Amino acid sequence: MAAKEEGMPALASLEELKEVDAKVKEFQAAHPEAFRAIAEILKRYRKIGYKNIVKLLLNEATPEKLKGEA
């Protein structure tokens, strides 16, 4: 039996989670170096929060905007 993940259960449906999991695995297979680099960023800066990292990754915010200084 697999170890239980920490934290709260996901709000997304099981179908949505499976779809994203498949897309992540597809990206990992197609671009292993890029996948490793992004995974390292997520692991290293986890304390910043995934939502903030994603906003930066998608160019939806700047560090200044996230801190309310923009």
Protein backbone atom coordinates (compact mmCIF):
# COMPACT_ATOMS: atom_id res chain seq x y z
CA MET A 1 0.00 0.00 0.00
CA ALA A 2 1.33 3.45 -0.93
CA ALA A 3 2.10 6.02 1.74
CA LYS A 4 -0.61 8.59 2.29
CA GLU A 5 0.20 12.06 0.93
CA GLU A 6 0.37 14.83 3.51
CA GLY A 7 -2.07 17.72 3.54
CA MET A 8 -5.67 18.16 2.59
CA PRO A 9 -7.40 16.23 -0.19
CA ALA A 10 -7.43 17.96 -3.57
CA LEU A 11 -10.46 20.04 -4.49
CA ALA A 12 -10.23 18.88 -8.11
CA SER A 13 -12.14 15.81 -9.25
CA LEU A 14 -10.35 12.50 -9.61
CA GLU A 15 -10.81 12.75 -13.38
CA GLU A 16 -9.13 16.17 -13.45
CA LEU A 17 -6.26 14.91 -11.31
CA LYS A 18 -5.74 11.92 -13.60
CA GLU A 19 -5.78 14.19 -16.67
CA VAL A 20 -3.14 16.49 -15.17
CA ASP A 21 -1.06 13.52 -14.05
CA ALA A 22 -1.08 12.16 -17.60
CA LYS A 23 -0.07 15.57 -19.00
CA VAL A 24 2.77 15.88 -16.48
CA LYS A 25 4.05 12.41 -17.36
CA GLU A 26 3.76 13.24 -21.08
CA PHE A 27 5.79 16.44 -20.58
CA GLN A 28 8.36 14.58 -18.48
CA ALA A 29 8.83 11.97 -21.21
CA ALA A 30 9.06 14.55 -24.00
CA HIS A 31 11.29 17.05 -22.16
CA PRO A 32 13.19 15.28 -19.35
CA GLU A 33 15.78 18.03 -18.81
CA ALA A 34 13.17 20.79 -18.69
CA PHE A 35 11.05 18.67 -16.37
CA ARG A 36 13.97 18.15 -13.97
CA ALA A 37 14.73 21.89 -13.98
CA ILE A 38 11.13 22.86 -13.21
CA ALA A 39 10.83 20.15 -10.56
CA GLU A 40 13.99 21.46 -8.89
CA ILE A 41 12.60 25.01 -8.85
CA LEU A 42 9.36 23.77 -7.28
CA LYS A 43 11.21 21.75 -4.64
CA ARG A 44 13.76 24.45 -3.82
CA TYR A 45 11.24 27.27 -3.48
CA ARG A 46 8.27 25.29 -2.13
CA LYS A 47 8.01 27.64 0.88
CA ILE A 48 7.19 30.55 -1.45
CA GLY A 49 4.00 28.76 -2.42
CA TYR A 50 3.05 26.98 -5.59
CA LYS A 51 0.50 29.61 -6.58
CA ASN A 52 3.16 32.33 -6.47
CA ILE A 53 5.65 30.19 -8.40
CA VAL A 54 3.03 29.46 -11.07
CA LYS A 55 2.16 33.16 -11.39
CA LEU A 56 5.84 33.91 -11.98
CA LEU A 57 6.21 30.96 -14.38
CA LEU A 58 3.22 32.14 -16.43
CA ASN A 59 4.37 35.78 -16.34
CA GLU A 60 1.14 36.72 -14.57
CA ALA A 61 2.99 38.57 -11.81
CA THR A 62 6.34 40.01 -10.84
CA PRO A 63 8.03 39.59 -7.46
CA GLU A 64 7.12 43.21 -6.71
CA LYS A 65 3.48 42.66 -7.60
CA LEU A 66 3.32 39.56 -5.42
CA LYS A 67 4.69 41.59 -2.50
CA GLY A 68 2.22 44.40 -3.17
CA GLU A 69 5.00 46.86 -4.06
CA ALA A 70 4.13 47.35 -7.73
